[in-house]
């Protein structure tokens, strides 16, 4: 199975993490949202499940990056019109 990786920001950003989660929740139908996970270092992880596959949004404080991993291509849901 192919995993799609999207680097949203090359530094951890809590506000941008929240905005990314809102965009996913508003842009993709039939999501099941897991409870927000917070690591001891302040990293945030939000997991979603939907018929197309799984989505993970991670604001990684240790690596200092905000990224999304998905089982399917998310670009079709977010166009730059």
PDB file of N, CA and C in Angstrom:
ATOM      1  N   UNK A   1       0.839  -1.181   0.000  1.00  0.00           N
ATOM      2  CA  UNK A   1       0.000   0.000   0.000  1.00  0.00           C
ATOM      3  C   UNK A   1       0.884   1.244   0.000  1.00  0.00           C
ATOM      4  N   UNK A   2       0.557   2.178  -0.850  1.00  0.00           N
ATOM      5  CA  UNK A   2       1.316   3.420  -0.947  1.00  0.00           C
ATOM      6  C   UNK A   2       0.855   4.403   0.127  1.00  0.00           C
ATOM      7  N   UNK A   3       1.805   5.079   0.743  1.00  0.00           N
ATOM      8  CA  UNK A   3       1.516   6.123   1.720  1.00  0.00           C
ATOM      9  C   UNK A   3       1.854   7.468   1.080  1.00  0.00           C
ATOM     10  N   UNK A   4       0.942   8.414   1.204  1.00  0.00           N
ATOM     11  CA  UNK A   4       1.157   9.760   0.703  1.00  0.00           C
ATOM     12  C   UNK A   4       1.614  10.639   1.859  1.00  0.00           C
ATOM     13  N   UNK A   5       2.746  11.315   1.691  1.00  0.00           N
ATOM     14  CA  UNK A   5       3.310  12.203   2.703  1.00  0.00           C
ATOM     15  C   UNK A   5       3.243  13.644   2.226  1.00  0.00           C
ATOM     16  N   UNK A   6       2.791  14.528   3.103  1.00  0.00           N
ATOM     17  CA  UNK A   6       2.687  15.949   2.784  1.00  0.00           C
ATOM     18  C   UNK A   6       3.332  16.749   3.908  1.00  0.00           C
ATOM     19  N   UNK A   7       4.424  17.445   3.616  1.00  0.00           N
ATOM     20  CA  UNK A   7       5.013  18.348   4.593  1.00  0.00           C
ATOM     21  C   UNK A   7       4.251  19.657   4.498  1.00  0.00           C
ATOM     22  N   UNK A   8       3.568  20.025   5.579  1.00  0.00           N
ATOM     23  CA  UNK A   8       2.753  21.232   5.601  1.00  0.00           C
ATOM     24  C   UNK A   8       3.607  22.434   5.985  1.00  0.00           C
ATOM     25  N   UNK A   9       4.522  22.247   6.931  1.00  0.00           N
ATOM     26  CA  UNK A   9       5.396  23.325   7.386  1.00  0.00           C
ATOM     27  C   UNK A   9       6.699  22.711   7.866  1.00  0.00           C
ATOM     28  N   UNK A  10       7.820  23.355   7.555  1.00  0.00           N
ATOM     29  CA  UNK A  10       9.118  22.809   7.953  1.00  0.00           C
ATOM     30  C   UNK A  10       9.484  23.158   9.391  1.00  0.00           C
ATOM     31  N   UNK A  11       8.484  23.536  10.180  1.00  0.00           N
ATOM     32  CA  UNK A  11       8.656  23.700  11.622  1.00  0.00           C
ATOM     33  C   UNK A  11       7.321  23.370  12.287  1.00  0.00           C
ATOM     34  N   UNK A  12       7.388  22.898  13.524  1.00  0.00           N
ATOM     35  CA  UNK A  12       6.159  22.576  14.254  1.00  0.00           C
ATOM     36  C   UNK A  12       5.389  23.871  14.512  1.00  0.00           C
ATOM     37  N   UNK A  13       4.074  23.827  14.315  1.00  0.00           N
ATOM     38  CA  UNK A  13       3.235  25.024  14.462  1.00  0.00           C
ATOM     39  C   UNK A  13       1.847  24.578  14.909  1.00  0.00           C
ATOM     40  N   UNK A  14       1.520  24.831  16.169  1.00  0.00           N
ATOM     41  CA  UNK A  14       0.256  24.374  16.737  1.00  0.00           C
ATOM     42  C   UNK A  14      -0.948  25.006  16.055  1.00  0.00           C
ATOM     43  N   UNK A  15      -0.888  26.289  15.753  1.00  0.00           N
ATOM     44  CA  UNK A  15      -2.004  26.970  15.096  1.00  0.00           C
ATOM     45  C   UNK A  15      -2.236  26.391  13.706  1.00  0.00           C
ATOM     46  N   UNK A  16      -1.182  26.195  12.951  1.00  0.00           N
ATOM     47  CA  UNK A  16      -1.298  25.619  11.614  1.00  0.00           C
ATOM     48  C   UNK A  16      -1.780  24.168  11.694  1.00  0.00           C
ATOM     49  N   UNK A  17      -1.367  23.439  12.716  1.00  0.00           N
ATOM     50  CA  UNK A  17      -1.858  22.077  12.941  1.00  0.00           C
ATOM     51  C   UNK A  17      -3.378  22.080  13.086  1.00  0.00           C
ATOM     52  N   UNK A  18      -3.888  22.976  13.911  1.00  0.00           N
ATOM     53  CA  UNK A  18      -5.339  23.066  14.120  1.00  0.00           C
ATOM     54  C   UNK A  18      -6.061  23.434  12.826  1.00  0.00           C
ATOM     55  N   UNK A  19      -5.492  24.365  12.059  1.00  0.00           N
ATOM     56  CA  UNK A  19      -6.096  24.764  10.784  1.00  0.00           C
ATOM     57  C   UNK A  19      -6.103  23.603   9.798  1.00  0.00           C
ATOM     58  N   UNK A  20      -5.029  22.820   9.785  1.00  0.00           N
ATOM     59  CA  UNK A  20      -4.956  21.671   8.880  1.00  0.00           C
ATOM     60  C   UNK A  20      -6.020  20.642   9.238  1.00  0.00           C
ATOM     61  N   UNK A  21      -6.202  20.404  10.527  1.00  0.00           N
ATOM     62  CA  UNK A  21      -7.232  19.451  10.967  1.00  0.00           C
ATOM     63  C   UNK A  21      -8.624  19.930  10.565  1.00  0.00           C
ATOM     64  N   UNK A  22      -8.895  21.219  10.735  1.00  0.00           N
ATOM     65  CA  UNK A  22     -10.197  21.777  10.345  1.00  0.00           C
ATOM     66  C   UNK A  22     -10.412  21.617   8.835  1.00  0.00           C
ATOM     67  N   UNK A  23      -9.377  21.884   8.052  1.00  0.00           N
ATOM     68  CA  UNK A  23      -9.492  21.753   6.595  1.00  0.00           C
ATOM     69  C   UNK A  23      -9.811  20.313   6.197  1.00  0.00           C
ATOM     70  N   UNK A  24      -9.177  19.364   6.834  1.00  0.00           N
ATOM     71  CA  UNK A  24      -9.454  17.953   6.535  1.00  0.00           C
ATOM     72  C   UNK A  24     -10.878  17.604   6.928  1.00  0.00           C
ATOM     73  N   UNK A  25     -11.296  18.045   8.108  1.00  0.00           N
ATOM     74  CA  UNK A  25     -12.643  17.735   8.590  1.00  0.00           C
ATOM     75  C   UNK A  25     -13.720  18.360   7.713  1.00  0.00           C
ATOM     76  N   UNK A  26     -13.460  19.531   7.169  1.00  0.00           N
ATOM     77  CA  UNK A  26     -14.441  20.195   6.311  1.00  0.00           C
ATOM     78  C   UNK A  26     -14.362  19.714   4.858  1.00  0.00           C
ATOM     79  N   UNK A  27     -13.204  19.231   4.446  1.00  0.00           N
ATOM     80  CA  UNK A  27     -13.007  18.888   3.042  1.00  0.00           C
ATOM     81  C   UNK A  27     -13.258  17.444   2.674  1.00  0.00           C
ATOM     82  N   UNK A  28     -13.252  16.556   3.650  1.00  0.00           N
ATOM     83  CA  UNK A  28     -13.392  15.125   3.369  1.00  0.00           C
ATOM     84  C   UNK A  28     -14.595  14.588   4.145  1.00  0.00           C
ATOM     85  N   UNK A  29     -15.476  13.929   3.438  1.00  0.00           N
ATOM     86  CA  UNK A  29     -16.712  13.416   4.037  1.00  0.00           C
ATOM     87  C   UNK A  29     -16.477  12.069   4.724  1.00  0.00           C
ATOM     88  N   UNK A  30     -17.380  11.719   5.621  1.00  0.00           N
ATOM     89  CA  UNK A  30     -17.437  10.421   6.286  1.00  0.00           C
ATOM     90  C   UNK A  30     -16.187  10.099   7.111  1.00  0.00           C
ATOM     91  N   UNK A  31     -15.647  11.107   7.785  1.00  0.00           N
ATOM     92  CA  UNK A  31     -14.483  10.896   8.642  1.00  0.00           C
ATOM     93  C   UNK A  31     -14.901  10.430  10.031  1.00  0.00           C
ATOM     94  N   UNK A  32     -14.107   9.567  10.587  1.00  0.00           N
ATOM     95  CA  UNK A  32     -14.195   9.234  12.002  1.00  0.00           C
ATOM     96  C   UNK A  32     -12.934   9.792  12.634  1.00  0.00           C
ATOM     97  N   UNK A  33     -13.112  10.622  13.643  1.00  0.00           N
ATOM     98  CA  UNK A  33     -11.995  11.320  14.269  1.00  0.00           C
ATOM     99  C   UNK A  33     -11.667  10.661  15.602  1.00  0.00           C
ATOM    100  N   UNK A  34     -10.410  10.296  15.779  1.00  0.00           N
ATOM    101  CA  UNK A  34      -9.941   9.747  17.050  1.00  0.00           C
ATOM    102  C   UNK A  34      -9.676  10.907  18.022  1.00  0.00           C
ATOM    103  N   UNK A  35      -9.615  10.638  19.309  1.00  0.00           N
ATOM    104  CA  UNK A  35      -9.235  11.688  20.256  1.00  0.00           C
ATOM    105  C   UNK A  35      -7.822  12.201  19.953  1.00  0.00           C
ATOM    106  N   UNK A  36      -7.606  13.475  20.163  1.00  0.00           N
ATOM    107  CA  UNK A  36      -6.298  14.103  19.950  1.00  0.00           C
ATOM    108  C   UNK A  36      -5.285  13.511  20.911  1.00  0.00           C
ATOM    109  N   UNK A  37      -4.118  13.153  20.380  1.00  0.00           N
ATOM    110  CA  UNK A  37      -3.031  12.625  21.201  1.00  0.00           C
ATOM    111  C   UNK A  37      -1.978  13.705  21.397  1.00  0.00           C
ATOM    112  N   UNK A  38      -1.473  13.842  22.621  1.00  0.00           N
ATOM    113  CA  UNK A  38      -0.387  14.783  22.897  1.00  0.00           C
ATOM    114  C   UNK A  38       0.732  14.032  23.587  1.00  0.00           C
ATOM    115  N   UNK A  39       1.921  14.096  22.984  1.00  0.00           N
ATOM    116  CA  UNK A  39       3.096  13.430  23.524  1.00  0.00           C
ATOM    117  C   UNK A  39       3.684  14.286  24.654  1.00  0.00           C
ATOM    118  N   UNK A  40       4.567  13.693  25.438  1.00  0.00           N
ATOM    119  CA  UNK A  40       5.184  14.423  26.551  1.00  0.00           C
ATOM    120  C   UNK A  40       6.036  15.593  26.072  1.00  0.00           C
ATOM    121  N   UNK A  41       6.516  15.537  24.814  1.00  0.00           N
ATOM    122  CA  UNK A  41       7.321  16.643  24.286  1.00  0.00           C
ATOM    123  C   UNK A  41       6.469  17.736  23.641  1.00  0.00           C
ATOM    124  N   UNK A  42       5.142  17.599  23.718  1.00  0.00           N
ATOM    125  CA  UNK A  42       4.236  18.596  23.145  1.00  0.00           C
ATOM    126  C   UNK A  42       3.786  18.298  21.728  1.00  0.00           C
ATOM    127  N   UNK A  43       4.282  17.224  21.138  1.00  0.00           N
ATOM    128  CA  UNK A  43       3.852  16.841  19.794  1.00  0.00           C
ATOM    129  C   UNK A  43       2.366  16.488  19.820  1.00  0.00           C
ATOM    130  N   UNK A  44       1.658  16.847  18.740  1.00  0.00           N
ATOM    131  CA  UNK A  44       0.235  16.575  18.611  1.00  0.00           C
ATOM    132  C   UNK A  44       0.005  15.612  17.455  1.00  0.00           C
ATOM    133  N   UNK A  45      -0.901  14.661  17.649  1.00  0.00           N
ATOM    134  CA  UNK A  45      -1.235  13.694  16.599  1.00  0.00           C
ATOM    135  C   UNK A  45      -2.747  13.580  16.538  1.00  0.00           C
ATOM    136  N   UNK A  46      -3.297  13.810  15.340  1.00  0.00           N
ATOM    137  CA  UNK A  46      -4.730  13.629  15.110  1.00  0.00           C
ATOM    138  C   UNK A  46      -4.905  12.562  14.037  1.00  0.00           C
ATOM    139  N   UNK A  47      -5.666  11.519  14.366  1.00  0.00           N
ATOM    140  CA  UNK A  47      -5.907  10.418  13.427  1.00  0.00           C
ATOM    141  C   UNK A  47      -7.358  10.456  12.960  1.00  0.00           C
ATOM    142  N   UNK A  48      -7.528  10.166  11.668  1.00  0.00           N
ATOM    143  CA  UNK A  48      -8.853  10.090  11.055  1.00  0.00           C
ATOM    144  C   UNK A  48      -8.963   8.783  10.285  1.00  0.00           C
ATOM    145  N   UNK A  49     -10.170   8.264  10.226  1.00  0.00           N
ATOM    146  CA  UNK A  49     -10.471   7.077   9.434  1.00  0.00           C
ATOM    147  C   UNK A  49     -11.643   7.408   8.527  1.00  0.00           C
ATOM    148  N   UNK A  50     -11.577   6.950   7.288  1.00  0.00           N
ATOM    149  CA  UNK A  50     -12.668   7.150   6.341  1.00  0.00           C
ATOM    150  C   UNK A  50     -12.640   6.012   5.324  1.00  0.00           C
ATOM    151  N   UNK A  51     -13.672   5.896   4.496  1.00  0.00           N
ATOM    152  CA  UNK A  51     -13.723   4.784   3.540  1.00  0.00           C
ATOM    153  C   UNK A  51     -12.510   4.713   2.596  1.00  0.00           C
ATOM    154  N   UNK A  52     -11.929   5.860   2.258  1.00  0.00           N
ATOM    155  CA  UNK A  52     -10.785   5.881   1.346  1.00  0.00           C
ATOM    156  C   UNK A  52      -9.495   5.409   2.016  1.00  0.00           C
ATOM    157  N   UNK A  53      -9.426   5.490   3.335  1.00  0.00           N
ATOM    158  CA  UNK A  53      -8.218   5.089   4.060  1.00  0.00           C
ATOM    159  C   UNK A  53      -8.015   5.953   5.296  1.00  0.00           C
ATOM    160  N   UNK A  54      -6.841   5.842   5.876  1.00  0.00           N
ATOM    161  CA  UNK A  54      -6.512   6.561   7.104  1.00  0.00           C
ATOM    162  C   UNK A  54      -5.740   7.842   6.813  1.00  0.00           C
ATOM    163  N   UNK A  55      -5.876   8.816   7.724  1.00  0.00           N
ATOM    164  CA  UNK A  55      -5.138  10.080   7.641  1.00  0.00           C
ATOM    165  C   UNK A  55      -4.554  10.351   9.021  1.00  0.00           C
ATOM    166  N   UNK A  56      -3.292  10.770   9.070  1.00  0.00           N
ATOM    167  CA  UNK A  56      -2.646  11.157  10.316  1.00  0.00           C
ATOM    168  C   UNK A  56      -2.034  12.538  10.122  1.00  0.00           C
ATOM    169  N   UNK A  57      -2.387  13.467  11.014  1.00  0.00           N
ATOM    170  CA  UNK A  57      -1.802  14.808  11.018  1.00  0.00           C
ATOM    171  C   UNK A  57      -0.906  14.868  12.242  1.00  0.00           C
ATOM    172  N   UNK A  58       0.362  15.245  12.045  1.00  0.00           N
ATOM    173  CA  UNK A  58       1.300  15.254  13.171  1.00  0.00           C
ATOM    174  C   UNK A  58       2.071  16.561  13.218  1.00  0.00           C
ATOM    175  N   UNK A  59       2.023  17.186  14.377  1.00  0.00           N
ATOM    176  CA  UNK A  59       2.822  18.368  14.679  1.00  0.00           C
ATOM    177  C   UNK A  59       3.959  17.873  15.572  1.00  0.00           C
ATOM    178  N   UNK A  60       5.080  17.525  14.961  1.00  0.00           N
ATOM    179  CA  UNK A  60       6.178  16.839  15.631  1.00  0.00           C
ATOM    180  C   UNK A  60       7.185  17.829  16.203  1.00  0.00           C
ATOM    181  N   UNK A  61       7.182  17.993  17.510  1.00  0.00           N
ATOM    182  CA  UNK A  61       8.088  18.927  18.169  1.00  0.00           C
ATOM    183  C   UNK A  61       9.531  18.431  18.131  1.00  0.00           C
ATOM    184  N   UNK A  62       9.736  17.132  18.212  1.00  0.00           N
ATOM    185  CA  UNK A  62      11.088  16.581  18.245  1.00  0.00           C
ATOM    186  C   UNK A  62      11.810  16.793  16.917  1.00  0.00           C
ATOM    187  N   UNK A  63      11.116  16.542  15.814  1.00  0.00           N
ATOM    188  CA  UNK A  63      11.713  16.707  14.487  1.00  0.00           C
ATOM    189  C   UNK A  63      11.513  18.136  13.978  1.00  0.00           C
ATOM    190  N   UNK A  64      10.578  18.876  14.598  1.00  0.00           N
ATOM    191  CA  UNK A  64      10.235  20.257  14.248  1.00  0.00           C
ATOM    192  C   UNK A  64       9.661  20.340  12.835  1.00  0.00           C
ATOM    193  N   UNK A  65       8.552  19.626  12.636  1.00  0.00           N
ATOM    194  CA  UNK A  65       7.873  19.624  11.344  1.00  0.00           C
ATOM    195  C   UNK A  65       6.384  19.325  11.548  1.00  0.00           C
ATOM    196  N   UNK A  66       5.569  19.871  10.662  1.00  0.00           N
ATOM    197  CA  UNK A  66       4.135  19.584  10.617  1.00  0.00           C
ATOM    198  C   UNK A  66       3.874  18.837   9.316  1.00  0.00           C
ATOM    199  N   UNK A  67       3.309  17.635   9.426  1.00  0.00           N
ATOM    200  CA  UNK A  67       3.083  16.849   8.217  1.00  0.00           C
ATOM    201  C   UNK A  67       1.799  16.035   8.312  1.00  0.00           C
ATOM    202  N   UNK A  68       1.371  15.557   7.140  1.00  0.00           N
ATOM    203  CA  UNK A  68       0.193  14.710   7.018  1.00  0.00           C
ATOM    204  C   UNK A  68       0.603  13.447   6.279  1.00  0.00           C
ATOM    205  N   UNK A  69       0.151  12.307   6.766  1.00  0.00           N
ATOM    206  CA  UNK A  69       0.318  11.035   6.060  1.00  0.00           C
ATOM    207  C   UNK A  69      -1.065  10.478   5.789  1.00  0.00           C
ATOM    208  N   UNK A  70      -1.224   9.912   4.599  1.00  0.00           N
ATOM    209  CA  UNK A  70      -2.532   9.406   4.205  1.00  0.00           C
ATOM    210  C   UNK A  70      -2.376   8.151   3.360  1.00  0.00           C
ATOM    211  N   UNK A  71      -3.396   7.302   3.427  1.00  0.00           N
ATOM    212  CA  UNK A  71      -3.433   6.110   2.586  1.00  0.00           C
ATOM    213  C   UNK A  71      -3.898   6.420   1.169  1.00  0.00           C
ATOM    214  N   UNK A  72      -4.346   7.657   0.934  1.00  0.00           N
ATOM    215  CA  UNK A  72      -4.846   8.041  -0.386  1.00  0.00           C
ATOM    216  C   UNK A  72      -4.440   9.488  -0.665  1.00  0.00           C
ATOM    217  N   UNK A  73      -4.494   9.859  -1.927  1.00  0.00           N
ATOM    218  CA  UNK A  73      -4.062  11.185  -2.369  1.00  0.00           C
ATOM    219  C   UNK A  73      -5.056  12.256  -1.919  1.00  0.00           C
ATOM    220  N   UNK A  74      -4.592  13.174  -1.096  1.00  0.00           N
ATOM    221  CA  UNK A  74      -5.451  14.242  -0.587  1.00  0.00           C
ATOM    222  C   UNK A  74      -5.527  15.453  -1.502  1.00  0.00           C
ATOM    223  N   UNK A  75      -4.653  15.537  -2.478  1.00  0.00           N
ATOM    224  CA  UNK A  75      -4.627  16.724  -3.346  1.00  0.00           C
ATOM    225  C   UNK A  75      -5.920  16.961  -4.085  1.00  0.00           C
ATOM    226  N   UNK A  76      -6.681  15.903  -4.366  1.00  0.00           N
ATOM    227  CA  UNK A  76      -7.943  16.069  -5.083  1.00  0.00           C
ATOM    228  C   UNK A  76      -8.996  16.789  -4.226  1.00  0.00           C
ATOM    229  N   UNK A  77      -8.803  16.797  -2.918  1.00  0.00           N
ATOM    230  CA  UNK A  77      -9.758  17.455  -2.008  1.00  0.00           C
ATOM    231  C   UNK A  77      -9.400  18.917  -1.735  1.00  0.00           C
ATOM    232  N   UNK A  78      -8.166  19.287  -2.047  1.00  0.00           N
ATOM    233  CA  UNK A  78      -7.695  20.637  -1.735  1.00  0.00           C
ATOM    234  C   UNK A  78      -7.032  21.231  -2.969  1.00  0.00           C
ATOM    235  N   UNK A  79      -7.807  21.993  -3.716  1.00  0.00           N
ATOM    236  CA  UNK A  79      -7.286  22.636  -4.919  1.00  0.00           C
ATOM    237  C   UNK A  79      -7.005  24.090  -4.638  1.00  0.00           C
ATOM    238  N   UNK A  80      -6.065  24.652  -5.351  1.00  0.00           N
ATOM    239  CA  UNK A  80      -5.727  26.071  -5.216  1.00  0.00           C
ATOM    240  C   UNK A  80      -6.421  26.843  -6.338  1.00  0.00           C
ATOM    241  N   UNK A  81      -7.683  27.148  -6.157  1.00  0.00           N
ATOM    242  CA  UNK A  81      -8.440  27.870  -7.185  1.00  0.00           C
ATOM    243  C   UNK A  81      -8.141  29.348  -7.145  1.00  0.00           C
TER     244      UNK A  81
END
